[in-house]
């Protein structure tokens, strides 16, 4: 009986392939399968090209952002250098520097979150108006008071405002070229 069934299955398969319906289905399979493979491969290539374009554009934007950041930091360095010499040479105006800091923030440097001037004992001598004077002024303060040059902090959350900032500071020298404090911009 098993031989008869196998013979009938082969016979029906042979009839299927010789029938018009069978040939039509086979022809459709021969067309659809390669087309599907071509479309799949084309989709993968397009996806890879799109990913490469996105990666290239992201890299270009990152380079532009880095150049802008570098320019801003260098501009801040020059500004703080000039400011440190101004406040260091004229100790009598330290109490009035808040107005100067406010004017600088609003009129000329709106991208700064604020300024402060502190002595070597963490005493805030002057802060931008509207700033809350706090002793935990910036994470790089300890490095600032022992440095003789420009110092940049890591990105951190400002304890006064809760905003993300990079603090940039410069030591303040007196007329005898001794460090007497720090000036900082956020």
N, C-alpha and C. Protein backbone atom coordinates (compact mmCIF):
# COMPACT_ATOMS: atom_id res chain seq x y z
N UNK A 1 0.82 -1.18 0.00
CA UNK A 1 0.00 0.00 0.00
C UNK A 1 0.87 1.25 0.00
N UNK A 2 2.00 1.19 0.72
CA UNK A 2 2.88 2.35 0.78
C UNK A 2 3.42 2.70 -0.58
N UNK A 3 3.66 1.72 -1.44
CA UNK A 3 4.19 1.98 -2.77
C UNK A 3 3.17 2.65 -3.66
N UNK A 4 1.89 2.28 -3.47
CA UNK A 4 0.82 2.88 -4.29
C UNK A 4 0.65 4.34 -3.92
N UNK A 5 0.71 4.65 -2.62
CA UNK A 5 0.54 6.04 -2.17
C UNK A 5 1.69 6.90 -2.68
N UNK A 6 2.91 6.40 -2.59
CA UNK A 6 4.06 7.15 -3.09
C UNK A 6 3.93 7.37 -4.59
N UNK A 7 3.43 6.37 -5.30
CA UNK A 7 3.26 6.49 -6.75
C UNK A 7 2.20 7.55 -7.07
N UNK A 8 1.13 7.60 -6.28
CA UNK A 8 0.07 8.58 -6.50
C UNK A 8 0.56 9.99 -6.19
N UNK A 9 1.38 10.15 -5.10
CA UNK A 9 1.91 11.48 -4.77
C UNK A 9 2.83 11.96 -5.86
N UNK A 10 3.67 11.09 -6.39
CA UNK A 10 4.57 11.50 -7.47
C UNK A 10 3.76 11.83 -8.71
N UNK A 11 2.77 11.10 -8.93
CA UNK A 11 1.92 11.34 -10.10
C UNK A 11 1.18 12.65 -9.99
N UNK A 12 0.68 12.98 -8.80
CA UNK A 12 -0.03 14.25 -8.62
C UNK A 12 0.95 15.42 -8.70
N UNK A 13 2.19 15.22 -8.22
CA UNK A 13 3.20 16.27 -8.31
C UNK A 13 3.55 16.50 -9.77
N UNK A 14 3.65 15.41 -10.52
CA UNK A 14 3.96 15.53 -11.94
C UNK A 14 2.82 16.23 -12.66
N UNK A 15 1.60 15.91 -12.28
CA UNK A 15 0.44 16.55 -12.89
C UNK A 15 0.41 18.04 -12.52
N UNK A 16 0.79 18.36 -11.26
CA UNK A 16 0.79 19.76 -10.82
C UNK A 16 1.78 20.58 -11.64
N UNK A 17 2.99 20.05 -11.85
CA UNK A 17 4.01 20.78 -12.59
C UNK A 17 3.68 20.90 -14.08
N UNK A 18 2.92 19.96 -14.62
CA UNK A 18 2.55 20.04 -16.04
C UNK A 18 1.26 20.80 -16.25
N UNK A 19 0.52 21.05 -15.21
CA UNK A 19 -0.73 21.79 -15.38
C UNK A 19 -0.44 23.28 -15.52
N UNK A 20 -1.37 24.00 -16.07
CA UNK A 20 -1.23 25.44 -16.28
C UNK A 20 -1.12 26.17 -14.94
N UNK A 21 -1.90 25.76 -13.97
CA UNK A 21 -1.86 26.37 -12.64
C UNK A 21 -0.49 26.16 -12.00
N UNK A 22 0.03 24.99 -12.05
CA UNK A 22 1.33 24.67 -11.48
C UNK A 22 2.44 25.47 -12.12
N UNK A 23 2.40 25.54 -13.44
CA UNK A 23 3.42 26.32 -14.15
C UNK A 23 3.34 27.80 -13.79
N UNK A 24 2.12 28.30 -13.66
CA UNK A 24 1.94 29.71 -13.30
C UNK A 24 2.49 30.00 -11.90
N UNK A 25 2.21 29.12 -10.95
CA UNK A 25 2.71 29.29 -9.58
C UNK A 25 4.24 29.20 -9.57
N UNK A 26 4.79 28.25 -10.31
CA UNK A 26 6.24 28.12 -10.39
C UNK A 26 6.87 29.37 -11.01
N UNK A 27 6.25 29.90 -12.06
CA UNK A 27 6.74 31.12 -12.70
C UNK A 27 6.69 32.30 -11.73
N UNK A 28 5.62 32.41 -10.97
CA UNK A 28 5.51 33.48 -9.98
C UNK A 28 6.61 33.35 -8.92
N UNK A 29 6.86 32.14 -8.46
CA UNK A 29 7.92 31.93 -7.47
C UNK A 29 9.28 32.30 -8.04
N UNK A 30 9.52 31.97 -9.28
CA UNK A 30 10.79 32.29 -9.92
C UNK A 30 10.98 33.80 -10.10
N UNK A 31 9.90 34.54 -10.16
CA UNK A 31 9.98 36.00 -10.30
C UNK A 31 10.01 36.67 -8.92
N UNK A 32 9.15 36.24 -8.01
CA UNK A 32 8.99 36.91 -6.72
C UNK A 32 10.20 36.70 -5.80
N UNK A 33 10.75 35.52 -5.74
CA UNK A 33 11.85 35.24 -4.82
C UNK A 33 13.08 36.09 -5.16
N UNK A 34 13.55 36.13 -6.43
CA UNK A 34 14.71 37.00 -6.72
C UNK A 34 14.41 38.49 -6.51
N UNK A 35 13.18 38.90 -6.87
CA UNK A 35 12.82 40.31 -6.65
C UNK A 35 12.83 40.66 -5.17
N UNK A 36 12.35 39.76 -4.35
CA UNK A 36 12.36 39.99 -2.91
C UNK A 36 13.79 40.10 -2.40
N UNK A 37 14.65 39.23 -2.88
CA UNK A 37 16.05 39.28 -2.46
C UNK A 37 16.71 40.59 -2.91
N UNK A 38 16.42 41.03 -4.13
CA UNK A 38 16.97 42.29 -4.63
C UNK A 38 16.46 43.46 -3.80
N UNK A 39 15.18 43.48 -3.48
CA UNK A 39 14.61 44.57 -2.69
C UNK A 39 15.19 44.58 -1.28
N UNK A 40 15.39 43.42 -0.70
CA UNK A 40 15.97 43.33 0.64
C UNK A 40 17.40 43.87 0.64
N UNK A 41 18.18 43.44 -0.35
CA UNK A 41 19.57 43.90 -0.43
C UNK A 41 19.63 45.40 -0.70
N UNK A 42 18.76 45.89 -1.56
CA UNK A 42 18.71 47.33 -1.85
C UNK A 42 18.34 48.13 -0.60
N UNK A 43 17.40 47.62 0.19
CA UNK A 43 17.01 48.28 1.43
C UNK A 43 18.16 48.32 2.43
N UNK A 44 18.92 47.24 2.52
CA UNK A 44 20.08 47.21 3.42
C UNK A 44 21.13 48.22 2.98
N UNK A 45 21.39 48.29 1.68
CA UNK A 45 22.38 49.24 1.18
C UNK A 45 21.94 50.68 1.44
N UNK A 46 20.66 50.95 1.22
CA UNK A 46 20.14 52.31 1.47
C UNK A 46 20.23 52.66 2.95
N UNK A 47 19.92 51.68 3.80
CA UNK A 47 20.02 51.90 5.24
C UNK A 47 21.46 52.20 5.64
N UNK A 48 22.41 51.45 5.12
CA UNK A 48 23.82 51.67 5.43
C UNK A 48 24.31 53.03 4.93
N UNK A 49 23.86 53.43 3.75
CA UNK A 49 24.23 54.74 3.22
C UNK A 49 23.64 55.85 4.09
N UNK A 50 22.40 55.69 4.50
CA UNK A 50 21.77 56.69 5.36
C UNK A 50 22.49 56.79 6.70
N UNK A 51 22.87 55.66 7.26
CA UNK A 51 23.60 55.65 8.53
C UNK A 51 24.94 56.35 8.38
N UNK A 52 25.62 56.14 7.24
CA UNK A 52 26.90 56.80 7.01
C UNK A 52 26.72 58.31 6.88
N UNK A 53 25.66 58.75 6.22
CA UNK A 53 25.39 60.18 6.07
C UNK A 53 25.09 60.80 7.43
N UNK A 54 24.28 60.13 8.23
CA UNK A 54 23.93 60.65 9.57
C UNK A 54 25.18 60.73 10.44
N UNK A 55 26.01 59.70 10.39
CA UNK A 55 27.24 59.71 11.18
C UNK A 55 28.18 60.83 10.74
N UNK A 56 28.30 61.03 9.45
CA UNK A 56 29.15 62.11 8.92
C UNK A 56 28.63 63.48 9.36
N UNK A 57 27.32 63.67 9.30
CA UNK A 57 26.72 64.95 9.70
C UNK A 57 26.87 65.18 11.19
N UNK A 58 26.70 64.14 11.99
CA UNK A 58 26.88 64.26 13.44
C UNK A 58 28.33 64.63 13.77
N UNK A 59 29.27 64.03 13.07
CA UNK A 59 30.68 64.34 13.29
C UNK A 59 30.99 65.78 12.90
N UNK A 60 30.41 66.23 11.79
CA UNK A 60 30.61 67.63 11.35
C UNK A 60 30.05 68.60 12.40
N UNK A 61 28.86 68.32 12.90
CA UNK A 61 28.25 69.19 13.92
C UNK A 61 29.05 69.16 15.22
N UNK A 62 29.58 68.00 15.58
CA UNK A 62 30.40 67.91 16.79
C UNK A 62 31.67 68.74 16.64
N UNK A 63 32.26 68.73 15.45
CA UNK A 63 33.46 69.54 15.22
C UNK A 63 33.14 71.03 15.30
N UNK A 64 32.01 71.43 14.76
CA UNK A 64 31.60 72.84 14.84
C UNK A 64 31.36 73.23 16.29
N UNK A 65 30.68 72.37 17.05
CA UNK A 65 30.43 72.66 18.47
C UNK A 65 31.75 72.75 19.23
N UNK A 66 32.70 71.87 18.94
CA UNK A 66 34.00 71.90 19.61
C UNK A 66 34.75 73.19 19.28
N UNK A 67 34.69 73.63 18.02
CA UNK A 67 35.35 74.87 17.64
C UNK A 67 34.71 76.06 18.35
N UNK A 68 33.38 76.07 18.43
CA UNK A 68 32.69 77.15 19.14
C UNK A 68 33.04 77.15 20.62
N UNK A 69 33.09 75.97 21.22
CA UNK A 69 33.45 75.86 22.63
C UNK A 69 34.88 76.34 22.85
N UNK A 70 35.77 75.94 21.98
CA UNK A 70 37.18 76.36 22.10
C UNK A 70 37.30 77.88 21.98
N UNK A 71 36.56 78.47 21.05
CA UNK A 71 36.58 79.92 20.89
C UNK A 71 36.04 80.61 22.14
N UNK A 72 34.93 80.11 22.66
CA UNK A 72 34.33 80.70 23.87
C UNK A 72 35.28 80.60 25.06
N UNK A 73 35.93 79.47 25.21
CA UNK A 73 36.87 79.30 26.33
C UNK A 73 38.05 80.25 26.18
N UNK A 74 38.57 80.38 24.98
CA UNK A 74 39.71 81.28 24.78
C UNK A 74 39.29 82.75 25.00
N UNK A 75 38.10 83.09 24.57
CA UNK A 75 37.58 84.44 24.81
C UNK A 75 37.41 84.68 26.31
N UNK A 76 36.90 83.69 27.02
CA UNK A 76 36.72 83.80 28.47
C UNK A 76 38.06 83.93 29.17
N UNK A 77 39.05 83.21 28.69
CA UNK A 77 40.40 83.29 29.27
C UNK A 77 40.92 84.72 29.20
N UNK A 78 40.83 85.33 28.04
CA UNK A 78 41.29 86.71 27.88
C UNK A 78 40.50 87.68 28.74
N UNK A 79 39.20 87.47 28.80
CA UNK A 79 38.34 88.33 29.60
C UNK A 79 38.69 88.22 31.08
N UNK A 80 38.83 87.00 31.59
CA UNK A 80 39.16 86.82 33.01
C UNK A 80 40.56 87.32 33.33
N UNK A 81 41.48 87.17 32.41
CA UNK A 81 42.83 87.70 32.61
C UNK A 81 42.76 89.21 32.81
N UNK A 82 42.04 89.89 31.93
CA UNK A 82 41.91 91.35 32.06
C UNK A 82 41.17 91.71 33.35
N UNK A 83 40.10 90.98 33.65
CA UNK A 83 39.32 91.26 34.85
C UNK A 83 40.14 91.02 36.11
N UNK A 84 40.95 89.96 36.13
CA UNK A 84 41.76 89.68 37.32
C UNK A 84 42.78 90.78 37.57
N UNK A 85 43.35 91.33 36.53
CA UNK A 85 44.31 92.43 36.71
C UNK A 85 43.61 93.71 37.13
N UNK A 86 42.39 93.90 36.66
CA UNK A 86 41.63 95.10 37.04
C UNK A 86 41.27 95.07 38.52
N UNK A 87 40.70 93.95 38.99
CA UNK A 87 40.29 93.89 40.39
C UNK A 87 41.47 93.71 41.32
N UNK A 88 42.55 93.11 40.85
CA UNK A 88 43.72 92.91 41.69
C UNK A 88 44.49 94.19 41.92
N UNK A 89 44.44 95.10 40.98
CA UNK A 89 45.21 96.32 41.12
C UNK A 89 44.46 97.41 41.87
N UNK A 90 43.15 97.25 42.03
CA UNK A 90 42.36 98.29 42.68
C UNK A 90 41.46 97.68 43.75
N UNK A 91 42.02 97.35 44.90
CA UNK A 91 41.28 96.69 45.97
C UNK A 91 40.14 97.54 46.51
N UNK A 92 40.15 98.84 46.31
CA UNK A 92 39.11 99.69 46.86
C UNK A 92 37.75 99.51 46.20
N UNK A 93 37.68 98.93 45.01
CA UNK A 93 36.40 98.82 44.31
C UNK A 93 35.79 97.43 44.35
N UNK A 94 36.33 96.54 45.18
CA UNK A 94 35.81 95.18 45.20
C UNK A 94 34.33 95.12 45.60
N UNK A 95 33.90 95.98 46.49
CA UNK A 95 32.50 95.96 46.92
C UNK A 95 31.56 96.41 45.80
N UNK A 96 32.06 97.13 44.84
CA UNK A 96 31.22 97.65 43.76
C UNK A 96 31.26 96.78 42.52
N UNK A 97 31.97 95.69 42.55
CA UNK A 97 32.12 94.90 41.33
C UNK A 97 30.85 94.16 40.94
N UNK A 98 29.89 93.99 41.86
CA UNK A 98 28.63 93.32 41.52
C UNK A 98 27.91 94.01 40.39
N UNK A 99 27.89 95.35 40.41
CA UNK A 99 27.26 96.10 39.33
C UNK A 99 27.99 95.90 38.01
N UNK A 100 29.33 95.85 38.10
CA UNK A 100 30.12 95.60 36.89
C UNK A 100 29.82 94.21 36.36
N UNK A 101 29.78 93.21 37.25
CA UNK A 101 29.48 91.84 36.83
C UNK A 101 28.09 91.76 36.20
N UNK A 102 27.11 92.46 36.81
CA UNK A 102 25.75 92.45 36.27
C UNK A 102 25.74 93.07 34.87
N UNK A 103 26.40 94.20 34.71
CA UNK A 103 26.45 94.85 33.40
C UNK A 103 27.12 93.95 32.36
N UNK A 104 28.21 93.32 32.75
CA UNK A 104 28.91 92.42 31.82
C UNK A 104 28.01 91.25 31.42
N UNK A 105 27.28 90.69 32.38
CA UNK A 105 26.40 89.55 32.10
C UNK A 105 25.25 89.92 31.18
N UNK A 106 24.62 91.05 31.45
CA UNK A 106 23.42 91.40 30.68
C UNK A 106 23.74 92.08 29.35
N UNK A 107 24.74 92.95 29.33
CA UNK A 107 25.01 93.72 28.12
C UNK A 107 25.99 93.07 27.16
N UNK A 108 26.96 92.34 27.67
CA UNK A 108 28.03 91.87 26.80
C UNK A 108 28.19 90.35 26.74
N UNK A 109 27.91 89.67 27.83
CA UNK A 109 28.16 88.23 27.88
C UNK A 109 26.94 87.48 28.41
N UNK A 110 25.83 87.47 27.68
CA UNK A 110 24.62 86.83 28.19
C UNK A 110 24.72 85.31 28.32
N UNK A 111 25.72 84.69 27.72
CA UNK A 111 25.86 83.24 27.79
C UNK A 111 26.56 82.79 29.06
N UNK A 112 27.05 83.72 29.87
CA UNK A 112 27.63 83.35 31.17
C UNK A 112 26.50 83.26 32.19
N UNK A 113 26.60 82.28 33.09
CA UNK A 113 25.58 82.17 34.14
C UNK A 113 25.85 83.11 35.29
N UNK A 114 27.08 83.57 35.43
CA UNK A 114 27.40 84.51 36.49
C UNK A 114 28.90 84.59 36.72
N UNK A 115 29.26 85.55 37.53
CA UNK A 115 30.67 85.80 37.87
C UNK A 115 30.79 85.85 39.39
N UNK A 116 31.97 85.56 39.88
CA UNK A 116 32.26 85.83 41.29
C UNK A 116 33.74 86.12 41.45
N UNK A 117 34.03 86.81 42.55
CA UNK A 117 35.39 87.11 42.98
C UNK A 117 35.49 86.60 44.41
N UNK A 118 36.50 85.78 44.69
CA UNK A 118 36.66 85.22 46.04
C UNK A 118 38.11 85.35 46.47
N UNK A 119 38.29 85.40 47.79
CA UNK A 119 39.67 85.43 48.30
C UNK A 119 40.18 84.00 48.47
N UNK A 120 41.37 83.87 49.02
CA UNK A 120 41.98 82.55 49.16
C UNK A 120 41.36 81.72 50.28
N UNK A 121 40.49 82.33 51.10
CA UNK A 121 39.84 81.61 52.20
C UNK A 121 38.38 81.26 51.89
N UNK A 122 38.03 81.23 50.63
CA UNK A 122 36.68 80.90 50.15
C UNK A 122 35.64 81.96 50.51
N UNK A 123 36.07 83.15 50.85
CA UNK A 123 35.14 84.24 51.13
C UNK A 123 34.79 84.91 49.82
N UNK A 124 33.51 84.97 49.54
CA UNK A 124 33.06 85.65 48.33
C UNK A 124 33.13 87.15 48.56
N UNK A 125 33.90 87.81 47.76
CA UNK A 125 34.05 89.25 47.87
C UNK A 125 33.04 89.95 46.99
N UNK A 126 32.67 89.31 45.92
CA UNK A 126 31.74 89.93 44.99
C UNK A 126 31.11 88.85 44.12
N UNK A 127 29.81 88.95 43.91
CA UNK A 127 29.10 88.02 43.02
C UNK A 127 28.18 88.84 42.12
N UNK A 128 27.77 88.24 41.04
CA UNK A 128 26.80 88.89 40.16
C UNK A 128 25.51 89.12 40.94
N UNK A 129 24.86 90.27 40.78
CA UNK A 129 23.57 90.47 41.44
C UNK A 129 22.60 89.38 41.02
N UNK A 130 21.81 88.93 41.96
CA UNK A 130 20.88 87.84 41.69
C UNK A 130 21.47 86.48 41.99
N UNK A 131 22.77 86.41 42.13
CA UNK A 131 23.43 85.15 42.49
C UNK A 131 23.35 84.99 44.00
N UNK A 132 23.17 83.77 44.45
CA UNK A 132 23.17 83.48 45.88
C UNK A 132 24.61 83.25 46.31
N UNK A 133 25.13 84.08 47.21
CA UNK A 133 26.51 83.85 47.65
C UNK A 133 26.62 82.56 48.44
N UNK A 134 27.37 81.62 47.93
CA UNK A 134 27.56 80.34 48.60
C UNK A 134 29.03 80.05 48.71
N UNK A 135 29.40 79.39 49.75
CA UNK A 135 30.81 79.06 49.96
C UNK A 135 31.24 77.90 49.06
N UNK A 136 30.33 76.98 48.74
CA UNK A 136 30.68 75.86 47.85
C UNK A 136 30.60 76.33 46.40
N UNK A 137 31.38 77.35 46.08
CA UNK A 137 31.24 78.08 44.84
C UNK A 137 31.51 77.28 43.58
N UNK A 138 32.54 76.52 43.54
CA UNK A 138 32.76 75.71 42.34
C UNK A 138 33.70 74.56 42.66
N UNK A 139 33.57 73.48 41.92
CA UNK A 139 34.36 72.30 42.23
C UNK A 139 35.86 72.49 42.00
N UNK A 140 36.24 73.44 41.18
CA UNK A 140 37.67 73.59 40.88
C UNK A 140 38.32 74.72 41.68
N UNK A 141 37.65 75.19 42.74
CA UNK A 141 38.17 76.29 43.55
C UNK A 141 39.53 75.95 44.15
N UNK A 142 39.66 74.75 44.69
CA UNK A 142 40.94 74.34 45.31
C UNK A 142 42.08 74.40 44.29
N UNK A 143 41.81 73.98 43.09
CA UNK A 143 42.83 74.04 42.04
C UNK A 143 43.12 75.49 41.65
N UNK A 144 42.09 76.31 41.66
CA UNK A 144 42.24 77.72 41.29
C UNK A 144 43.17 78.47 42.23
N UNK A 145 43.02 78.26 43.54
CA UNK A 145 43.81 79.07 44.49
C UNK A 145 45.28 78.69 44.51
N UNK A 146 45.65 77.50 44.02
CA UNK A 146 47.07 77.14 43.97
C UNK A 146 47.65 77.32 42.58
N UNK A 147 46.81 77.64 41.61
CA UNK A 147 47.27 77.79 40.24
C UNK A 147 47.79 79.21 40.00
N UNK A 148 48.60 79.32 39.01
CA UNK A 148 49.05 80.65 38.58
C UNK A 148 48.58 80.91 37.16
N UNK A 149 47.61 80.11 36.72
CA UNK A 149 47.11 80.26 35.36
C UNK A 149 45.63 79.89 35.31
N UNK A 150 45.10 79.97 34.17
CA UNK A 150 43.73 79.69 33.81
C UNK A 150 43.34 78.25 34.18
N UNK A 151 42.13 78.06 34.77
CA UNK A 151 41.65 76.73 35.16
C UNK A 151 40.22 76.55 34.65
N UNK A 152 39.97 75.37 34.09
CA UNK A 152 38.63 75.03 33.59
C UNK A 152 38.13 73.82 34.36
N UNK A 153 36.90 73.89 34.85
CA UNK A 153 36.33 72.75 35.56
C UNK A 153 35.72 71.77 34.57
N UNK A 154 35.36 70.61 35.09
CA UNK A 154 34.56 69.68 34.30
C UNK A 154 33.14 70.22 34.26
N UNK A 155 32.36 69.69 33.36
CA UNK A 155 30.94 70.02 33.29
C UNK A 155 30.29 69.55 34.59
N UNK A 156 29.51 70.42 35.24
CA UNK A 156 28.87 70.06 36.51
C UNK A 156 27.58 70.86 36.67
N UNK A 157 26.77 70.47 37.63
CA UNK A 157 25.55 71.21 37.93
C UNK A 157 25.87 72.32 38.91
N UNK A 158 25.48 73.53 38.57
CA UNK A 158 25.69 74.68 39.44
C UNK A 158 24.81 74.51 40.68
N UNK A 159 25.39 74.65 41.86
CA UNK A 159 24.63 74.47 43.09
C UNK A 159 23.67 75.63 43.33
N UNK A 160 23.92 76.78 42.72
CA UNK A 160 23.02 77.93 42.90
C UNK A 160 21.79 77.82 42.01
N UNK A 161 21.99 77.43 40.74
CA UNK A 161 20.89 77.45 39.78
C UNK A 161 20.40 76.08 39.36
N UNK A 162 21.20 75.05 39.57
CA UNK A 162 20.83 73.72 39.12
C UNK A 162 21.10 73.49 37.64
N UNK A 163 21.65 74.48 36.95
CA UNK A 163 21.96 74.36 35.53
C UNK A 163 23.33 73.71 35.34
N UNK A 164 23.48 73.07 34.20
CA UNK A 164 24.78 72.51 33.85
C UNK A 164 25.72 73.61 33.38
N UNK A 165 26.92 73.67 33.94
CA UNK A 165 27.87 74.72 33.58
C UNK A 165 29.29 74.16 33.54
N UNK A 166 30.14 74.94 32.94
CA UNK A 166 31.59 74.75 33.02
C UNK A 166 32.11 76.01 33.67
N UNK A 167 32.78 75.89 34.80
CA UNK A 167 33.33 77.05 35.50
C UNK A 167 34.74 77.30 35.00
N UNK A 168 35.01 78.56 34.73
CA UNK A 168 36.30 78.95 34.20
C UNK A 168 36.85 80.05 35.11
N UNK A 169 38.05 79.84 35.63
CA UNK A 169 38.60 80.79 36.60
C UNK A 169 40.02 81.20 36.29
N UNK A 170 40.38 82.29 36.93
CA UNK A 170 41.74 82.82 36.78
C UNK A 170 42.16 83.42 38.12
N UNK A 171 43.40 83.21 38.52
CA UNK A 171 43.84 83.79 39.80
C UNK A 171 43.95 85.31 39.71
N UNK A 172 43.71 85.97 40.83
CA UNK A 172 43.85 87.42 40.91
C UNK A 172 45.18 87.71 41.62
N UNK A 173 45.99 88.53 40.99
CA UNK A 173 47.29 88.89 41.55
C UNK A 173 47.26 90.31 42.07
N UNK A 174 48.00 90.55 43.14
CA UNK A 174 48.14 91.93 43.61
C UNK A 174 49.30 92.60 42.86
N UNK A 175 49.63 93.82 43.26
CA UNK A 175 50.70 94.54 42.57
C UNK A 175 52.08 93.92 42.81
N UNK A 176 52.21 93.07 43.81
CA UNK A 176 53.47 92.36 44.06
C UNK A 176 53.51 90.99 43.39
N UNK A 177 52.55 90.72 42.49
CA UNK A 177 52.45 89.47 41.75
C UNK A 177 52.19 88.26 42.66
N UNK A 178 51.48 88.50 43.77
CA UNK A 178 51.07 87.42 44.67
C UNK A 178 49.58 87.13 44.42
N UNK A 179 49.22 85.84 44.44
CA UNK A 179 47.82 85.46 44.26
C UNK A 179 47.05 85.87 45.52
N UNK A 180 46.00 86.67 45.33
CA UNK A 180 45.19 87.13 46.47
C UNK A 180 43.74 86.63 46.37
N UNK A 181 43.40 86.04 45.27
CA UNK A 181 42.03 85.56 45.11
C UNK A 181 41.83 84.95 43.73
N UNK A 182 40.56 84.73 43.41
CA UNK A 182 40.20 84.16 42.11
C UNK A 182 38.99 84.89 41.56
N UNK A 183 38.95 84.98 40.25
CA UNK A 183 37.77 85.50 39.56
C UNK A 183 37.28 84.33 38.68
N UNK A 184 35.96 84.17 38.64
CA UNK A 184 35.39 83.00 37.98
C UNK A 184 34.18 83.39 37.14
N UNK A 185 34.03 82.72 36.02
CA UNK A 185 32.84 82.87 35.17
C UNK A 185 32.25 81.48 34.97
N UNK A 186 30.94 81.40 35.03
CA UNK A 186 30.27 80.11 34.79
C UNK A 186 29.68 80.09 33.42
